[in-house]
Amino acid sequence: MSDGFFYFIRLSQGLVLLPFLIGLLRLKQHSEIQRILWYLVGASVLTEAIGLYIAEYVVPPNNLAVYNVYAVIQFIFVTRIYYKALQGDVIRKGLDLITILFTLFAVINLIWIQSINSFNTNIIVSSFFFYVALAIVFFYQKLSTAKDVALERNPMFWLNSGMLIYNSGAFLLFVFVNHVITASDDVVMASWRLNAVLSIIQICFYSVALWIRPKE
């Protein structure tokens, strides 16, 4: 695989510093949802830093355990965000229940089904599917109530758009990841470039979500 491919992947990983720094500058002005998003981005920065260190300096360079643990942490943060953003007691109680059940499923999967040091497609695919569903529910609620005309001034609009774009695109990639990684180098590189492009788009949307001031 070419050096350009690896540089591009590293760029998509390092770019997560952008929303983290933007959020740090705007921290005092953040709403509760923006604050949770900033914590999520911070967890992503830490994960990428640890993952990069293991990849470069640890033998053998297996950093999958770090990303598998992060996937569970990310799910908890994301469900907390939508708990604040979505309306309805039933939805919120459902989010609490799903968070508990998913965490239990993830722990069982990491210990007995898919090793913590392997690519945990069960956790990734199920979480991505759930993120897409949450994003659709959020847009449905906003459009059906028609109270928020200027959605572009709503941090949650940008956060939700990033979630929908990345997870709906990456979902299919990770569903077929076992076939992808056994394919030719060209197919592997094209798939991971697509994932990196979607990740960059999501990061840009997160950056906007953390930059704009929440409406009073």
C-alpha atoms as a PDB file:
ATOM      1  CA  MET A   1       0.000   0.000   0.000  1.00  0.00           C
ATOM      2  CA  SER A   2       1.285   3.471  -0.883  1.00  0.00           C
ATOM      3  CA  ASP A   3       2.623   6.066   1.535  1.00  0.00           C
ATOM      4  CA  GLY A   4      -0.061   8.451   0.306  1.00  0.00           C
ATOM      5  CA  PHE A   5      -2.770   6.078   1.484  1.00  0.00           C
ATOM      6  CA  PHE A   6      -1.337   5.907   5.009  1.00  0.00           C
ATOM      7  CA  TYR A   7      -0.818   9.677   5.162  1.00  0.00           C
ATOM      8  CA  PHE A   8      -4.457  10.217   4.216  1.00  0.00           C
ATOM      9  CA  ILE A   9      -5.661   7.791   6.889  1.00  0.00           C
ATOM     10  CA  ARG A  10      -3.449   9.499   9.475  1.00  0.00           C
ATOM     11  CA  LEU A  11      -4.861  12.876   8.380  1.00  0.00           C
ATOM     12  CA  SER A  12      -8.429  11.698   8.931  1.00  0.00           C
ATOM     13  CA  GLN A  13      -7.452  10.426  12.389  1.00  0.00           C
ATOM     14  CA  GLY A  14      -5.492  13.527  13.408  1.00  0.00           C
ATOM     15  CA  LEU A  15      -8.194  15.907  12.196  1.00  0.00           C
ATOM     16  CA  VAL A  16     -10.250  15.063  15.280  1.00  0.00           C
ATOM     17  CA  LEU A  17      -8.079  17.622  17.069  1.00  0.00           C
ATOM     18  CA  LEU A  18      -9.941  20.365  15.162  1.00  0.00           C
ATOM     19  CA  PRO A  19     -13.346  20.028  16.893  1.00  0.00           C
ATOM     20  CA  PHE A  20     -11.581  19.366  20.193  1.00  0.00           C
ATOM     21  CA  LEU A  21      -9.682  22.667  20.018  1.00  0.00           C
ATOM     22  CA  ILE A  22     -12.737  24.554  18.748  1.00  0.00           C
ATOM     23  CA  GLY A  23     -14.758  23.142  21.619  1.00  0.00           C
ATOM     24  CA  LEU A  24     -12.043  24.142  24.064  1.00  0.00           C
ATOM     25  CA  LEU A  25     -12.208  27.740  22.829  1.00  0.00           C
ATOM     26  CA  ARG A  26     -16.013  27.820  23.110  1.00  0.00           C
ATOM     27  CA  LEU A  27     -16.291  25.760  26.288  1.00  0.00           C
ATOM     28  CA  LYS A  28     -17.867  28.458  28.461  1.00  0.00           C
ATOM     29  CA  GLN A  29     -20.587  29.117  25.871  1.00  0.00           C
ATOM     30  CA  HIS A  30     -21.591  25.502  25.337  1.00  0.00           C
ATOM     31  CA  SER A  31     -25.000  24.031  25.928  1.00  0.00           C
ATOM     32  CA  GLU A  32     -25.238  20.704  27.737  1.00  0.00           C
ATOM     33  CA  ILE A  33     -25.401  18.816  24.450  1.00  0.00           C
ATOM     34  CA  GLN A  34     -22.317  20.603  23.130  1.00  0.00           C
ATOM     35  CA  ARG A  35     -20.464  19.826  26.340  1.00  0.00           C
ATOM     36  CA  ILE A  36     -21.240  16.095  26.002  1.00  0.00           C
ATOM     37  CA  LEU A  37     -20.148  16.207  22.349  1.00  0.00           C
ATOM     38  CA  TRP A  38     -16.870  17.817  23.405  1.00  0.00           C
ATOM     39  CA  TYR A  39     -16.284  15.036  25.938  1.00  0.00           C
ATOM     40  CA  LEU A  40     -16.954  12.513  23.170  1.00  0.00           C
ATOM     41  CA  VAL A  41     -14.459  14.236  20.873  1.00  0.00           C
ATOM     42  CA  GLY A  42     -11.941  14.320  23.722  1.00  0.00           C
ATOM     43  CA  ALA A  43     -12.344  10.565  24.185  1.00  0.00           C
ATOM     44  CA  SER A  44     -11.768  10.149  20.446  1.00  0.00           C
ATOM     45  CA  VAL A  45      -8.575  12.236  20.584  1.00  0.00           C
ATOM     46  CA  LEU A  46      -7.251  10.136  23.462  1.00  0.00           C
ATOM     47  CA  THR A  47      -8.173   6.916  21.656  1.00  0.00           C
ATOM     48  CA  GLU A  48      -6.414   7.966  18.450  1.00  0.00           C
ATOM     49  CA  ALA A  49      -3.316   9.022  20.401  1.00  0.00           C
ATOM     50  CA  ILE A  50      -3.096   5.692  22.257  1.00  0.00           C
ATOM     51  CA  GLY A  51      -3.866   3.759  19.072  1.00  0.00           C
ATOM     52  CA  LEU A  52      -1.135   5.585  17.168  1.00  0.00           C
ATOM     53  CA  TYR A  53       1.396   4.998  19.950  1.00  0.00           C
ATOM     54  CA  ILE A  54       0.655   1.253  19.972  1.00  0.00           C
ATOM     55  CA  ALA A  55       0.835   1.079  16.174  1.00  0.00           C
ATOM     56  CA  GLU A  56       4.221   2.805  16.099  1.00  0.00           C
ATOM     57  CA  TYR A  57       6.012   1.615  19.227  1.00  0.00           C
ATOM     58  CA  VAL A  58       4.439  -1.610  20.560  1.00  0.00           C
ATOM     59  CA  VAL A  59       5.288  -5.092  19.257  1.00  0.00           C
ATOM     60  CA  PRO A  60       3.078  -6.655  18.045  1.00  0.00           C
ATOM     61  CA  PRO A  61       1.221  -3.446  17.049  1.00  0.00           C
ATOM     62  CA  ASN A  62      -2.366  -4.507  17.843  1.00  0.00           C
ATOM     63  CA  ASN A  63      -4.411  -1.469  18.913  1.00  0.00           C
ATOM     64  CA  LEU A  64      -7.844  -2.989  18.302  1.00  0.00           C
ATOM     65  CA  ALA A  65      -8.565  -3.325  22.031  1.00  0.00           C
ATOM     66  CA  VAL A  66      -8.360   0.463  22.381  1.00  0.00           C
ATOM     67  CA  TYR A  67     -10.870   1.064  19.588  1.00  0.00           C
ATOM     68  CA  ASN A  68     -13.195  -1.679  20.863  1.00  0.00           C
ATOM     69  CA  VAL A  69     -13.368  -0.063  24.292  1.00  0.00           C
ATOM     70  CA  TYR A  70     -13.885   3.342  22.671  1.00  0.00           C
ATOM     71  CA  ALA A  71     -16.849   1.984  20.685  1.00  0.00           C
ATOM     72  CA  VAL A  72     -18.657   1.265  23.966  1.00  0.00           C
ATOM     73  CA  ILE A  73     -17.723   4.654  25.444  1.00  0.00           C
ATOM     74  CA  GLN A  74     -18.896   6.372  22.270  1.00  0.00           C
ATOM     75  CA  PHE A  75     -22.260   4.619  22.452  1.00  0.00           C
ATOM     76  CA  ILE A  76     -22.812   5.849  26.005  1.00  0.00           C
ATOM     77  CA  PHE A  77     -21.957   9.446  25.070  1.00  0.00           C
ATOM     78  CA  VAL A  78     -24.100   9.383  21.925  1.00  0.00           C
ATOM     79  CA  THR A  79     -27.158   8.034  23.728  1.00  0.00           C
ATOM     80  CA  ARG A  80     -26.748  10.733  26.404  1.00  0.00           C
ATOM     81  CA  ILE A  81     -26.718  13.371  23.654  1.00  0.00           C
ATOM     82  CA  TYR A  82     -29.924  12.061  22.120  1.00  0.00           C
ATOM     83  CA  TYR A  83     -31.481  11.666  25.562  1.00  0.00           C
ATOM     84  CA  LYS A  84     -31.148  15.450  25.852  1.00  0.00           C
ATOM     85  CA  ALA A  85     -32.150  16.180  22.260  1.00  0.00           C
ATOM     86  CA  LEU A  86     -35.164  13.921  21.698  1.00  0.00           C
ATOM     87  CA  GLN A  87     -38.611  14.506  23.103  1.00  0.00           C
ATOM     88  CA  GLY A  88     -40.857  11.980  24.822  1.00  0.00           C
ATOM     89  CA  ASP A  89     -40.586  10.047  28.062  1.00  0.00           C
ATOM     90  CA  VAL A  90     -40.944   6.728  26.255  1.00  0.00           C
ATOM     91  CA  ILE A  91     -37.992   7.498  23.981  1.00  0.00           C
ATOM     92  CA  ARG A  92     -35.824   8.626  26.880  1.00  0.00           C
ATOM     93  CA  LYS A  93     -36.643   5.593  29.016  1.00  0.00           C
ATOM     94  CA  GLY A  94     -35.979   3.444  25.971  1.00  0.00           C
ATOM     95  CA  LEU A  95     -32.571   5.068  25.529  1.00  0.00           C
ATOM     96  CA  ASP A  96     -31.678   4.296  29.145  1.00  0.00           C
ATOM     97  CA  LEU A  97     -32.667   0.661  28.681  1.00  0.00           C
ATOM     98  CA  ILE A  98     -30.866   0.316  25.336  1.00  0.00           C
ATOM     99  CA  THR A  99     -27.697   1.853  26.781  1.00  0.00           C
ATOM    100  CA  ILE A 100     -27.638  -0.715  29.586  1.00  0.00           C
ATOM    101  CA  LEU A 101     -28.434  -3.636  27.266  1.00  0.00           C
ATOM    102  CA  PHE A 102     -25.865  -2.550  24.667  1.00  0.00           C
ATOM    103  CA  THR A 103     -23.147  -2.190  27.304  1.00  0.00           C
ATOM    104  CA  LEU A 104     -23.891  -5.688  28.612  1.00  0.00           C
ATOM    105  CA  PHE A 105     -23.923  -7.059  25.056  1.00  0.00           C
ATOM    106  CA  ALA A 106     -20.592  -5.341  24.306  1.00  0.00           C
ATOM    107  CA  VAL A 107     -18.935  -6.780  27.414  1.00  0.00           C
ATOM    108  CA  ILE A 108     -20.227 -10.288  26.613  1.00  0.00           C
ATOM    109  CA  ASN A 109     -19.097  -9.890  22.995  1.00  0.00           C
ATOM    110  CA  LEU A 110     -15.608  -8.736  23.989  1.00  0.00           C
ATOM    111  CA  ILE A 111     -15.097 -11.576  26.469  1.00  0.00           C
ATOM    112  CA  TRP A 112     -16.847 -14.609  24.953  1.00  0.00           C
ATOM    113  CA  ILE A 113     -17.788 -13.969  21.317  1.00  0.00           C
ATOM    114  CA  GLN A 114     -15.260 -11.722  19.594  1.00  0.00           C
ATOM    115  CA  SER A 115     -11.952 -11.185  21.329  1.00  0.00           C
ATOM    116  CA  ILE A 116     -11.129  -7.718  22.617  1.00  0.00           C
ATOM    117  CA  ASN A 117      -8.028  -7.839  20.412  1.00  0.00           C
ATOM    118  CA  SER A 118      -9.978  -8.622  17.251  1.00  0.00           C
ATOM    119  CA  PHE A 119     -12.111  -6.463  14.961  1.00  0.00           C
ATOM    120  CA  ASN A 120     -15.452  -6.347  16.810  1.00  0.00           C
ATOM    121  CA  THR A 121     -17.899  -6.056  13.929  1.00  0.00           C
ATOM    122  CA  ASN A 122     -20.858  -7.024  16.147  1.00  0.00           C
ATOM    123  CA  ILE A 123     -20.436  -3.929  18.314  1.00  0.00           C
ATOM    124  CA  ILE A 124     -19.612  -1.590  15.435  1.00  0.00           C
ATOM    125  CA  VAL A 125     -22.410  -2.619  13.086  1.00  0.00           C
ATOM    126  CA  SER A 126     -25.104  -2.672  15.796  1.00  0.00           C
ATOM    127  CA  SER A 127     -24.051   0.744  17.137  1.00  0.00           C
ATOM    128  CA  PHE A 128     -23.917   2.298  13.651  1.00  0.00           C
ATOM    129  CA  PHE A 129     -27.411   1.008  12.899  1.00  0.00           C
ATOM    130  CA  PHE A 130     -28.695   2.511  16.121  1.00  0.00           C
ATOM    131  CA  TYR A 131     -26.996   5.871  15.426  1.00  0.00           C
ATOM    132  CA  VAL A 132     -28.700   6.087  12.027  1.00  0.00           C
ATOM    133  CA  ALA A 133     -32.065   5.312  13.647  1.00  0.00           C
ATOM    134  CA  LEU A 134     -31.540   8.036  16.270  1.00  0.00           C
ATOM    135  CA  ALA A 135     -30.553  10.559  13.605  1.00  0.00           C
ATOM    136  CA  ILE A 136     -33.700   9.812  11.595  1.00  0.00           C
ATOM    137  CA  VAL A 137     -35.900  10.101  14.703  1.00  0.00           C
ATOM    138  CA  PHE A 138     -34.342  13.476  15.540  1.00  0.00           C
ATOM    139  CA  PHE A 139     -34.980  14.869  12.057  1.00  0.00           C
ATOM    140  CA  TYR A 140     -38.520  13.473  12.104  1.00  0.00           C
ATOM    141  CA  GLN A 141     -39.280  15.217  15.391  1.00  0.00           C
ATOM    142  CA  LYS A 142     -37.818  18.525  14.206  1.00  0.00           C
ATOM    143  CA  LEU A 143     -39.628  18.480  10.881  1.00  0.00           C
ATOM    144  CA  SER A 144     -42.946  17.359  12.352  1.00  0.00           C
ATOM    145  CA  THR A 145     -43.017  20.033  15.052  1.00  0.00           C
ATOM    146  CA  ALA A 146     -41.794  22.785  12.692  1.00  0.00           C
ATOM    147  CA  LYS A 147     -40.766  24.927  15.673  1.00  0.00           C
ATOM    148  CA  ASP A 148     -37.111  25.218  14.685  1.00  0.00           C
ATOM    149  CA  VAL A 149     -37.023  27.043  11.358  1.00  0.00           C
ATOM    150  CA  ALA A 150     -33.359  28.090  11.511  1.00  0.00           C
ATOM    151  CA  LEU A 151     -31.902  24.612  11.948  1.00  0.00           C
ATOM    152  CA  GLU A 152     -28.493  25.798  10.791  1.00  0.00           C
ATOM    153  CA  ARG A 153     -28.205  27.738  14.063  1.00  0.00           C
ATOM    154  CA  ASN A 154     -28.903  24.633  16.103  1.00  0.00           C
ATOM    155  CA  PRO A 155     -25.736  22.724  17.175  1.00  0.00           C
ATOM    156  CA  MET A 156     -27.727  19.501  17.317  1.00  0.00           C
ATOM    157  CA  PHE A 157     -28.630  19.865  13.630  1.00  0.00           C
ATOM    158  CA  TRP A 158     -24.942  19.773  12.652  1.00  0.00           C
ATOM    159  CA  LEU A 159     -24.102  17.008  15.101  1.00  0.00           C
ATOM    160  CA  ASN A 160     -27.027  14.914  13.887  1.00  0.00           C
ATOM    161  CA  SER A 161     -26.207  15.510  10.215  1.00  0.00           C
ATOM    162  CA  GLY A 162     -22.647  14.331  10.799  1.00  0.00           C
ATOM    163  CA  MET A 163     -23.909  11.240  12.606  1.00  0.00           C
ATOM    164  CA  LEU A 164     -26.319  10.392   9.787  1.00  0.00           C
ATOM    165  CA  ILE A 165     -23.825  10.910   6.952  1.00  0.00           C
ATOM    166  CA  TYR A 166     -20.959   8.970   8.513  1.00  0.00           C
ATOM    167  CA  ASN A 167     -22.859   6.072  10.049  1.00  0.00           C
ATOM    168  CA  SER A 168     -25.199   5.453   7.126  1.00  0.00           C
ATOM    169  CA  GLY A 169     -22.194   5.364   4.778  1.00  0.00           C
ATOM    170  CA  ALA A 170     -19.849   3.373   7.018  1.00  0.00           C
ATOM    171  CA  PHE A 171     -22.550   0.895   8.067  1.00  0.00           C
ATOM    172  CA  LEU A 172     -22.369  -1.060   4.810  1.00  0.00           C
ATOM    173  CA  LEU A 173     -18.571  -0.968   4.838  1.00  0.00           C
ATOM    174  CA  PHE A 174     -18.388  -2.619   8.250  1.00  0.00           C
ATOM    175  CA  VAL A 175     -21.159  -5.096   7.447  1.00  0.00           C
ATOM    176  CA  PHE A 176     -18.954  -6.459   4.657  1.00  0.00           C
ATOM    177  CA  VAL A 177     -15.593  -5.743   6.317  1.00  0.00           C
ATOM    178  CA  ASN A 178     -14.607  -9.425   6.473  1.00  0.00           C
ATOM    179  CA  HIS A 179     -14.994  -9.663   2.701  1.00  0.00           C
ATOM    180  CA  VAL A 180     -13.188  -6.360   2.177  1.00  0.00           C
ATOM    181  CA  ILE A 181     -10.056  -7.233   4.139  1.00  0.00           C
ATOM    182  CA  THR A 182      -9.595 -10.456   2.164  1.00  0.00           C
ATOM    183  CA  ALA A 183      -9.966  -8.675  -1.183  1.00  0.00           C
ATOM    184  CA  SER A 184      -7.219  -7.097  -3.295  1.00  0.00           C
ATOM    185  CA  ASP A 185      -5.166  -4.176  -1.993  1.00  0.00           C
ATOM    186  CA  ASP A 186      -7.027  -1.812  -4.339  1.00  0.00           C
ATOM    187  CA  VAL A 187     -10.390  -2.764  -2.839  1.00  0.00           C
ATOM    188  CA  VAL A 188      -9.051  -2.475   0.712  1.00  0.00           C
ATOM    189  CA  MET A 189      -7.559   0.977   0.071  1.00  0.00           C
ATOM    190  CA  ALA A 190     -10.694   2.229  -1.685  1.00  0.00           C
ATOM    191  CA  SER A 191     -12.876   1.053   1.223  1.00  0.00           C
ATOM    192  CA  TRP A 192     -10.728   2.670   3.906  1.00  0.00           C
ATOM    193  CA  ARG A 193     -10.408   5.866   1.859  1.00  0.00           C
ATOM    194  CA  LEU A 194     -14.204   6.016   1.757  1.00  0.00           C
ATOM    195  CA  ASN A 195     -14.338   5.521   5.509  1.00  0.00           C
ATOM    196  CA  ALA A 196     -11.728   8.260   5.982  1.00  0.00           C
ATOM    197  CA  VAL A 197     -13.647  10.686   3.746  1.00  0.00           C
ATOM    198  CA  LEU A 198     -16.869  10.036   5.682  1.00  0.00           C
ATOM    199  CA  SER A 199     -14.964  10.495   8.942  1.00  0.00           C
ATOM    200  CA  ILE A 200     -13.565  13.846   7.767  1.00  0.00           C
ATOM    201  CA  ILE A 201     -17.075  15.000   6.845  1.00  0.00           C
ATOM    202  CA  GLN A 202     -18.357  14.005  10.283  1.00  0.00           C
ATOM    203  CA  ILE A 203     -15.467  15.818  11.977  1.00  0.00           C
ATOM    204  CA  CYS A 204     -16.252  18.990  10.004  1.00  0.00           C
ATOM    205  CA  PHE A 205     -19.891  18.799  11.102  1.00  0.00           C
ATOM    206  CA  TYR A 206     -18.805  18.276  14.703  1.00  0.00           C
ATOM    207  CA  SER A 207     -16.562  21.326  14.405  1.00  0.00           C
ATOM    208  CA  VAL A 208     -19.482  23.485  13.300  1.00  0.00           C
ATOM    209  CA  ALA A 209     -21.658  22.054  16.090  1.00  0.00           C
ATOM    210  CA  LEU A 210     -19.042  23.066  18.660  1.00  0.00           C
ATOM    211  CA  TRP A 211     -18.394  26.489  17.107  1.00  0.00           C
ATOM    212  CA  ILE A 212     -21.857  27.988  16.811  1.00  0.00           C
ATOM    213  CA  ARG A 213     -23.553  29.467  19.840  1.00  0.00           C
ATOM    214  CA  PRO A 214     -26.660  27.625  20.974  1.00  0.00           C
ATOM    215  CA  LYS A 215     -29.878  29.553  20.592  1.00  0.00           C
ATOM    216  CA  GLU A 216     -31.340  31.010  23.744  1.00  0.00           C
END
